[in-house]
Amino acid sequence: MAVSLLTHVISDLCLGKPALRSLPLTATVAEALSALKNTDDNFLSVWKCDHTSKSITKTGFNGDHVDDDNCKCVGKVSMVDVICYLSQDNNLVSPAVALESPVSVLLPEIPGLVMHVDPSSSLLEAIDLIIEGAQNLVVPIKTRVTTSRRKHQAKVSATLTGLTTIHDGGREFCWLAQEDIVRFLLSSIGLFSPIPALSIDTLGIITTEIFTITYNSPASAALEAISTSLATQTSVAVVDGEEGVLIGELSPSTLACCDETVAAAITTLSAGDLMAYIDCGGPPEDLVRVVMARCKQRGLEAMLEEFTKSSNSLVSHSSFSSSSSSDEESVSRRYSRSMSYSARMGRRAEAIVCHPKSSLVAVMIQAIAHRVNYVWVVEDDCSLVGIVTFCNMLEVFREHLESLA
């Protein structure tokens, strides 16, 4: 019976989860960018800590005294946040100034995207928070490493990478995402029969309010949609302007595998060309030259200079040939993916699709297999119908579990 799932608490889903790597709210955009390039994580948590004020402490795991009021995760940042920020008109002109801005400028002004929860909170409470808009649930985790040893490890890690995993009282945290909860429910999918076998059309979970851009439109026109889709964990569909046929997507999960130089591509290329630019394997050489030429035409030499300087360490990791020593090809090579790209889960710009008659369980498996939080819904002729998200799926399971509570 699915009622057995009601006995689970959030800590059950945290087993084996790694400790969060974090940045202080006092960090700059440049420091966040450097940290993102030195980790395999697509997202880093941002923490606000105030150790000057007094607050009530309580005993945490391993007897540690944890000051919960003084340290709090206030958001998360990714390479996509950096790219969208640097793609703004004023930052394109003065990228060096933009990089010295506080990391807080990257945090979306949407409350509740990241929330602290107690490990003993129920599975239903976790699902409710996700449905209400939370993307990540921050949960304290228990480790067997002593407090002093953990603090030493955190100090060494922070020195090397600018990141840390330890907060007040030596406590570590992990976070749960929508995917973790959907994956957990999928492991017990048989308990929900016959719901998983029903089509997404029958269940009424296809969302028609979606972000789209036509293939030949300037990619910059999608900048706000990309930023919003990152906040909503969806994507921007690239469609044929006449027939509404889905051609591909500008996905935050794909952009997260790129580096900051993609801001130049967003500024100068069409949506269709940008798809090719960010596709797995690195940007085509001809598109790199187009981006450079157009940047020069628009007087964005400062951006080219800054990106070239920041990407100098990437030359040896480029996918381009190093046989030529010309300045143009040398700069071209610096527009490749970051050195951490190969260690990340990259995705092509091709969209993951399903049919309105696809079953719920089939769509769940599709999304989890491709590490996305959504699947595009298309008809037989590839015309775009809408999108199905993890949040849509969780609403179905929540309704069923509520009837058992």
Protein backbone atom coordinates (compact mmCIF):
# COMPACT_ATOMS: atom_id res chain seq x y z
CA MET A 1 0.00 0.00 0.00
CA ALA A 2 1.15 3.52 -0.79
CA VAL A 3 0.23 4.43 2.78
CA SER A 4 3.57 2.89 3.83
CA LEU A 5 5.32 5.86 2.21
CA LEU A 6 3.70 8.16 4.76
CA THR A 7 6.03 6.77 7.44
CA HIS A 8 9.12 8.09 5.66
CA VAL A 9 10.84 11.27 6.76
CA ILE A 10 13.19 13.56 4.86
CA SER A 11 16.31 12.06 6.44
CA ASP A 12 15.47 8.76 4.70
CA LEU A 13 16.07 10.48 1.36
CA CYS A 14 19.38 11.98 2.50
CA LEU A 15 21.28 8.72 2.86
CA GLY A 16 24.47 8.92 0.84
CA LYS A 17 23.94 12.54 -0.17
CA PRO A 18 27.17 14.58 -0.32
CA ALA A 19 27.67 17.62 1.87
CA LEU A 20 26.85 20.95 0.26
CA ARG A 21 29.70 23.04 -1.07
CA SER A 22 29.02 26.63 -0.24
CA LEU A 23 29.98 30.23 -0.88
CA PRO A 24 29.61 33.11 1.57
CA LEU A 25 27.19 35.88 0.67
CA THR A 26 30.18 38.24 0.85
CA ALA A 27 31.82 36.57 -2.18
CA THR A 28 32.04 38.37 -5.53
CA VAL A 29 30.73 37.20 -8.89
CA ALA A 30 34.34 36.53 -9.92
CA GLU A 31 34.87 34.33 -6.86
CA ALA A 32 31.63 32.47 -7.57
CA LEU A 33 32.75 31.96 -11.17
CA SER A 34 36.11 30.61 -10.05
CA ALA A 35 34.46 28.28 -7.54
CA LEU A 36 32.05 26.94 -10.16
CA LYS A 37 34.97 26.16 -12.44
CA ASN A 38 36.69 24.26 -9.65
CA THR A 39 33.85 21.94 -8.74
CA ASP A 40 31.88 19.24 -10.51
CA ASP A 41 28.65 20.61 -9.04
CA ASN A 42 26.39 22.62 -11.33
CA PHE A 43 25.05 24.59 -8.35
CA LEU A 44 26.70 26.04 -5.26
CA SER A 45 24.80 27.05 -2.13
CA VAL A 46 25.19 30.62 -0.87
CA TRP A 47 25.23 31.20 2.88
CA LYS A 48 24.71 34.22 5.07
CA CYS A 49 26.46 33.90 8.40
CA ASP A 50 26.41 36.40 11.25
CA HIS A 51 28.66 35.36 14.12
CA THR A 52 28.49 38.73 15.86
CA SER A 53 24.90 38.43 17.09
CA LYS A 54 23.72 36.24 19.91
CA SER A 55 21.06 33.63 19.41
CA ILE A 56 19.80 30.47 21.04
CA THR A 57 21.93 27.40 20.40
CA LYS A 58 20.87 23.79 20.58
CA THR A 59 22.65 20.47 20.63
CA GLY A 60 23.09 19.05 17.15
CA PHE A 61 24.36 15.74 15.85
CA ASN A 62 27.44 14.30 17.65
CA GLY A 63 26.79 16.71 20.52
CA ASP A 64 27.81 19.76 18.47
CA HIS A 65 26.33 23.08 19.50
CA VAL A 66 24.70 24.48 16.43
CA ASP A 67 23.74 28.12 16.08
CA ASP A 68 20.89 27.80 13.59
CA ASP A 69 20.01 31.49 13.57
CA ASN A 70 23.50 32.66 12.64
CA CYS A 71 24.08 30.62 9.49
CA LYS A 72 21.50 30.17 6.77
CA CYS A 73 21.50 29.10 3.14
CA VAL A 74 19.92 32.01 1.26
CA GLY A 75 20.09 30.68 -2.28
CA LYS A 76 22.13 28.90 -4.92
CA VAL A 77 24.12 30.00 -7.95
CA SER A 78 25.13 28.28 -11.16
CA MET A 79 27.11 29.07 -14.28
CA VAL A 80 23.79 29.99 -15.90
CA ASP A 81 23.29 32.78 -13.36
CA VAL A 82 26.74 34.13 -14.19
CA ILE A 83 26.14 33.88 -17.95
CA CYS A 84 22.76 35.65 -17.77
CA TYR A 85 24.23 38.37 -15.56
CA LEU A 86 27.18 39.02 -17.85
CA SER A 87 24.84 39.06 -20.87
CA GLN A 88 23.06 42.17 -19.62
CA ASP A 89 23.80 45.25 -21.73
CA ASN A 90 25.60 47.26 -19.05
CA ASN A 91 27.73 44.29 -18.02
CA LEU A 92 28.72 43.52 -21.61
CA VAL A 93 30.34 46.96 -21.80
CA SER A 94 32.13 46.67 -18.43
CA PRO A 95 32.56 42.95 -17.61
CA ALA A 96 35.47 43.60 -15.22
CA VAL A 97 33.25 45.81 -13.08
CA ALA A 98 30.42 43.27 -13.23
CA LEU A 99 32.69 40.48 -12.01
CA GLU A 100 33.53 42.49 -8.88
CA SER A 101 29.85 42.80 -7.91
CA PRO A 102 28.64 40.84 -4.86
CA VAL A 103 27.34 37.35 -5.51
CA SER A 104 23.95 38.51 -4.21
CA VAL A 105 23.25 40.07 -7.64
CA LEU A 106 23.01 36.53 -9.02
CA LEU A 107 20.33 35.39 -6.60
CA PRO A 108 16.79 35.54 -8.02
CA GLU A 109 14.34 37.76 -6.19
CA ILE A 110 11.97 34.85 -5.63
CA PRO A 111 11.41 33.88 -1.98
CA GLY A 112 11.35 30.25 -0.93
CA LEU A 113 13.45 28.68 -3.69
CA VAL A 114 15.77 27.27 -1.02
CA MET A 115 14.37 26.29 2.37
CA HIS A 116 15.80 24.80 5.55
CA VAL A 117 13.88 21.80 6.85
CA ASP A 118 14.15 19.49 9.82
CA PRO A 119 15.39 15.93 9.07
CA SER A 120 12.30 14.57 10.83
CA SER A 121 9.90 16.37 8.47
CA SER A 122 7.59 13.99 6.64
CA LEU A 123 7.70 13.07 2.97
CA LEU A 124 4.34 14.80 2.54
CA GLU A 125 5.74 18.02 3.99
CA ALA A 126 8.66 17.84 1.57
CA ILE A 127 6.33 17.34 -1.40
CA ASP A 128 4.16 20.25 -0.25
CA LEU A 129 7.18 22.56 -0.11
CA ILE A 130 8.22 21.54 -3.64
CA ILE A 131 4.71 22.10 -4.98
CA GLU A 132 4.64 25.52 -3.31
CA GLY A 133 7.78 26.53 -5.20
CA ALA A 134 10.83 25.30 -3.29
CA GLN A 135 13.60 23.97 -5.52
CA ASN A 136 15.96 22.70 -2.86
CA LEU A 137 15.40 21.61 0.73
CA VAL A 138 18.44 22.16 2.94
CA VAL A 139 18.80 19.33 5.46
CA PRO A 140 21.44 18.87 8.21
CA ILE A 141 23.25 15.55 7.86
CA LYS A 142 25.00 13.33 10.37
CA THR A 143 28.58 12.23 9.80
CA ARG A 144 30.97 10.06 11.82
CA VAL A 145 33.91 12.42 11.36
CA THR A 146 34.79 14.40 14.48
CA THR A 147 34.02 18.09 14.63
CA SER A 148 37.68 19.17 14.80
CA ARG A 149 38.62 16.98 11.85
CA ARG A 150 35.70 18.24 9.79
CA LYS A 151 36.63 21.85 10.49
CA HIS A 152 40.22 21.15 9.46
CA GLN A 153 39.04 19.50 6.23
CA ALA A 154 36.76 22.45 5.51
CA LYS A 155 39.61 24.92 6.09
CA VAL A 156 41.86 23.04 3.67
CA SER A 157 39.06 22.76 1.09
CA ALA A 158 38.22 26.45 1.36
CA THR A 159 41.86 27.40 0.92
CA LEU A 160 42.18 25.33 -2.25
CA THR A 161 38.85 26.03 -3.92
CA GLY A 162 37.17 28.91 -2.10
CA LEU A 163 34.44 26.46 -1.04
CA THR A 164 33.49 24.93 2.29
CA THR A 165 31.04 22.32 3.55
CA ILE A 166 31.12 23.15 7.25
CA HIS A 167 28.92 25.68 9.04
CA ASP A 168 28.05 26.57 12.64
CA GLY A 169 29.02 23.97 15.20
CA GLY A 170 30.76 21.83 12.59
CA ARG A 171 27.46 20.79 11.08
CA GLU A 172 27.21 19.75 7.45
CA PHE A 173 24.17 20.03 5.20
CA CYS A 174 22.90 18.38 2.06
CA TRP A 175 19.96 19.34 -0.07
CA LEU A 176 17.08 17.52 -1.65
CA ALA A 177 15.85 18.50 -5.09
CA GLN A 178 12.68 17.66 -7.00
CA GLU A 179 14.53 14.87 -8.77
CA ASP A 180 15.42 13.18 -5.45
CA ILE A 181 11.79 13.01 -4.40
CA VAL A 182 10.53 11.84 -7.81
CA ARG A 183 13.27 9.19 -7.93
CA PHE A 184 12.24 8.00 -4.45
CA LEU A 185 8.60 7.73 -5.50
CA LEU A 186 9.59 5.90 -8.68
CA SER A 187 11.30 3.23 -6.57
CA SER A 188 7.86 2.44 -5.10
CA ILE A 189 5.80 3.19 -8.19
CA GLY A 190 3.87 -0.08 -8.01
CA LEU A 191 2.19 1.11 -4.81
CA PHE A 192 0.37 3.82 -6.77
CA SER A 193 -1.27 1.55 -9.35
CA PRO A 194 -3.13 2.28 -11.62
CA ILE A 195 -2.11 5.99 -11.65
CA PRO A 196 1.38 5.52 -13.17
CA ALA A 197 -0.10 3.77 -16.22
CA LEU A 198 -2.46 6.65 -17.02
CA SER A 199 -1.48 9.09 -19.76
CA ILE A 200 -0.30 12.57 -18.89
CA ASP A 201 -3.16 13.89 -20.99
CA THR A 202 -5.71 11.93 -18.95
CA LEU A 203 -4.14 13.14 -15.72
CA GLY A 204 -4.31 16.75 -16.94
CA ILE A 205 -0.73 17.62 -16.02
CA ILE A 206 0.42 19.15 -19.31
CA THR A 207 1.32 22.81 -18.82
CA THR A 208 0.70 25.00 -21.87
CA GLU A 209 2.26 28.18 -20.42
CA ILE A 210 5.78 27.76 -21.77
CA PHE A 211 8.77 29.80 -22.91
CA THR A 212 9.41 29.73 -26.66
CA ILE A 213 11.63 31.50 -29.18
CA THR A 214 11.74 31.09 -32.94
CA TYR A 215 14.82 29.56 -34.54
CA ASN A 216 15.95 32.71 -36.38
CA SER A 217 15.26 35.17 -33.55
CA PRO A 218 18.20 36.80 -31.75
CA ALA A 219 19.27 34.61 -28.84
CA SER A 220 19.41 37.71 -26.65
CA ALA A 221 15.62 37.91 -26.92
CA ALA A 222 15.47 34.72 -24.84
CA LEU A 223 17.73 36.01 -22.06
CA GLU A 224 14.94 36.83 -19.63
CA ALA A 225 13.17 33.55 -20.46
CA ILE A 226 16.40 31.59 -19.81
CA SER A 227 16.80 33.29 -16.44
CA THR A 228 13.17 32.60 -15.53
CA SER A 229 13.32 29.00 -16.73
CA LEU A 230 16.34 28.47 -14.48
CA ALA A 231 14.28 29.71 -11.53
CA THR A 232 11.34 27.49 -12.50
CA GLN A 233 13.53 24.51 -13.49
CA THR A 234 12.16 24.34 -17.02
CA SER A 235 13.62 25.43 -20.38
CA VAL A 236 13.11 27.61 -23.45
CA ALA A 237 11.74 25.85 -26.53
CA VAL A 238 13.17 26.76 -29.94
CA VAL A 239 10.41 26.43 -32.53
CA ASP A 240 9.68 26.90 -36.20
CA GLY A 241 8.02 30.29 -36.46
CA GLU A 242 5.35 29.15 -38.94
CA GLU A 243 4.33 25.68 -37.85
CA GLY A 244 5.20 25.79 -34.16
CA VAL A 245 7.32 22.65 -34.57
CA LEU A 246 9.76 21.99 -31.75
CA ILE A 247 13.31 22.14 -33.12
CA GLY A 248 15.34 22.14 -29.92
CA GLU A 249 15.79 24.08 -26.71
CA LEU A 250 17.95 26.56 -24.85
CA SER A 251 18.27 24.59 -21.67
CA PRO A 252 19.76 25.87 -18.40
CA SER A 253 21.13 22.37 -17.76
CA THR A 254 23.10 22.56 -21.02
CA LEU A 255 24.24 26.12 -20.41
CA ALA A 256 25.43 25.07 -16.94
CA CYS A 257 28.10 22.94 -18.65
CA CYS A 258 29.52 25.96 -20.50
CA ASP A 259 31.65 28.84 -19.26
CA GLU A 260 31.11 32.59 -19.05
CA THR A 261 32.19 33.23 -22.63
CA VAL A 262 28.77 32.01 -23.78
CA ALA A 263 27.52 35.48 -22.82
CA ALA A 264 29.20 36.74 -25.99
CA ALA A 265 27.40 34.10 -28.05
CA ILE A 266 24.02 35.00 -26.56
CA THR A 267 24.68 38.63 -27.49
CA THR A 268 25.62 37.97 -31.11
CA LEU A 269 23.98 34.76 -32.36
CA SER A 270 20.48 33.65 -33.31
CA ALA A 271 18.65 31.13 -31.13
CA GLY A 272 19.35 28.39 -33.67
CA ASP A 273 23.06 29.17 -33.84
CA LEU A 274 23.27 29.35 -30.06
CA MET A 275 21.90 25.80 -29.86
CA ALA A 276 24.81 24.65 -32.02
CA TYR A 277 27.26 26.76 -30.01
CA ILE A 278 26.35 25.21 -26.64
CA ASP A 279 25.88 21.67 -27.90
CA CYS A 280 28.09 18.97 -26.38
CA GLY A 281 31.67 18.93 -27.67
CA GLY A 282 32.32 22.67 -27.69
CA PRO A 283 31.35 25.45 -30.11
CA PRO A 284 32.13 25.08 -33.84
CA GLU A 285 35.13 27.13 -34.94
CA ASP A 286 33.16 29.05 -37.55
CA LEU A 287 30.63 30.23 -34.94
CA VAL A 288 33.43 31.29 -32.61
CA ARG A 289 34.83 33.52 -35.36
CA VAL A 290 31.35 34.94 -36.01
CA VAL A 291 30.94 35.78 -32.33
CA MET A 292 34.33 37.50 -32.19
CA ALA A 293 33.72 39.53 -35.34
CA ARG A 294 30.28 40.69 -34.22
CA CYS A 295 31.54 41.64 -30.78
CA LYS A 296 34.19 43.84 -32.39
CA GLN A 297 31.55 45.40 -34.66
CA ARG A 298 29.48 46.32 -31.61
CA GLY A 299 32.40 47.82 -29.71
CA LEU A 300 32.57 45.05 -27.13
CA GLU A 301 36.35 44.69 -27.16
CA ALA A 302 36.41 44.99 -23.35
CA MET A 303 34.28 41.87 -23.08
CA LEU A 304 36.49 39.96 -25.50
CA GLU A 305 39.59 41.02 -23.59
CA GLU A 306 38.11 40.08 -20.20
CA PHE A 307 36.85 36.71 -21.40
CA THR A 308 40.14 35.96 -23.13
CA LYS A 309 42.03 36.78 -19.92
CA SER A 310 39.72 34.70 -17.72
CA SER A 311 39.85 31.77 -20.13
CA ASN A 312 43.62 31.64 -20.61
CA SER A 313 43.86 28.46 -18.54
CA LEU A 314 41.42 26.74 -20.89
CA VAL A 315 43.60 26.81 -23.97
CA SER A 316 45.21 23.44 -23.36
CA HIS A 317 41.80 21.89 -22.72
CA SER A 318 40.26 23.19 -25.93
CA SER A 319 38.58 20.94 -28.46
CA PHE A 320 40.19 22.95 -31.25
CA SER A 321 43.44 22.11 -33.03
CA SER A 322 46.55 23.75 -31.58
CA SER A 323 48.55 23.48 -34.81
CA SER A 324 48.03 27.13 -35.75
CA SER A 325 49.58 29.97 -33.80
CA SER A 326 47.57 32.81 -35.30
CA ASP A 327 45.96 35.24 -32.87
CA GLU A 328 42.47 34.52 -34.18
CA GLU A 329 42.70 30.76 -33.63
CA SER A 330 44.42 31.25 -30.30
CA VAL A 331 41.50 33.35 -29.08
CA SER A 332 39.05 30.93 -30.67
CA ARG A 333 40.39 28.10 -28.57
CA ARG A 334 39.71 30.09 -25.44
CA TYR A 335 36.03 30.06 -26.23
CA SER A 336 35.76 26.34 -25.56
CA ARG A 337 34.09 24.75 -22.57
CA SER A 338 35.68 25.03 -19.18
CA MET A 339 38.13 22.39 -18.01
CA SER A 340 35.49 21.02 -15.63
CA TYR A 341 33.07 20.36 -18.47
CA SER A 342 34.20 16.78 -19.05
CA ALA A 343 33.55 15.98 -15.41
CA ARG A 344 30.00 17.29 -15.52
CA MET A 345 26.83 15.71 -16.81
CA GLY A 346 26.51 17.46 -20.17
CA ARG A 347 23.44 17.42 -22.39
CA ARG A 348 22.85 18.14 -26.02
CA ALA A 349 20.62 21.00 -27.10
CA GLU A 350 18.16 18.46 -28.49
CA ALA A 351 14.90 18.49 -26.54
CA ILE A 352 13.58 15.47 -24.61
CA VAL A 353 10.01 14.86 -25.80
CA CYS A 354 6.99 12.69 -25.16
CA HIS A 355 3.45 12.33 -26.56
CA PRO A 356 0.24 13.42 -24.80
CA LYS A 357 -0.70 9.74 -24.57
CA SER A 358 2.58 8.76 -22.91
CA SER A 359 2.09 7.20 -19.49
CA LEU A 360 3.10 9.03 -16.34
CA VAL A 361 5.69 6.40 -15.40
CA ALA A 362 7.24 6.51 -18.86
CA VAL A 363 7.67 10.29 -18.66
CA MET A 364 9.11 10.02 -15.16
CA ILE A 365 11.73 7.54 -16.36
CA GLN A 366 12.53 9.75 -19.37
CA ALA A 367 13.15 12.81 -17.22
CA ILE A 368 15.25 10.98 -14.63
CA ALA A 369 17.31 9.20 -17.30
CA HIS A 370 18.20 12.52 -18.94
CA ARG A 371 18.66 14.39 -15.64
CA VAL A 372 16.05 17.05 -16.42
CA ASN A 373 13.06 18.28 -14.42
CA TYR A 374 10.69 18.37 -17.37
CA VAL A 375 9.77 16.73 -20.67
CA TRP A 376 8.36 18.58 -23.70
CA VAL A 377 5.03 17.28 -25.03
CA VAL A 378 4.60 17.14 -28.81
CA GLU A 379 2.08 15.73 -31.27
CA ASP A 380 2.95 13.22 -34.01
CA ASP A 381 3.95 16.07 -36.34
CA CYS A 382 6.32 17.46 -33.66
CA SER A 383 4.11 20.50 -33.03
CA LEU A 384 4.62 21.68 -29.48
CA VAL A 385 1.75 21.04 -27.06
CA GLY A 386 3.29 21.97 -23.74
CA ILE A 387 5.53 20.67 -20.98
CA VAL A 388 5.30 18.24 -18.06
CA THR A 389 7.40 19.03 -15.00
CA PHE A 390 8.39 17.14 -11.88
CA CYS A 391 6.19 19.55 -9.95
CA ASN A 392 3.20 18.51 -12.11
CA MET A 393 3.96 14.86 -11.36
CA LEU A 394 4.33 15.46 -7.63
CA GLU A 395 0.90 17.07 -7.52
CA VAL A 396 -0.59 13.80 -8.77
CA PHE A 397 1.20 11.72 -6.16
CA ARG A 398 0.44 14.25 -3.43
CA GLU A 399 -3.27 14.03 -4.14
CA HIS A 400 -3.16 10.25 -3.92
CA LEU A 401 -1.12 10.22 -0.70
CA GLU A 402 -3.41 12.81 0.87
CA SER A 403 -6.38 10.52 0.35
CA LEU A 404 -4.54 7.88 2.40
CA ALA A 405 -3.47 10.17 5.23
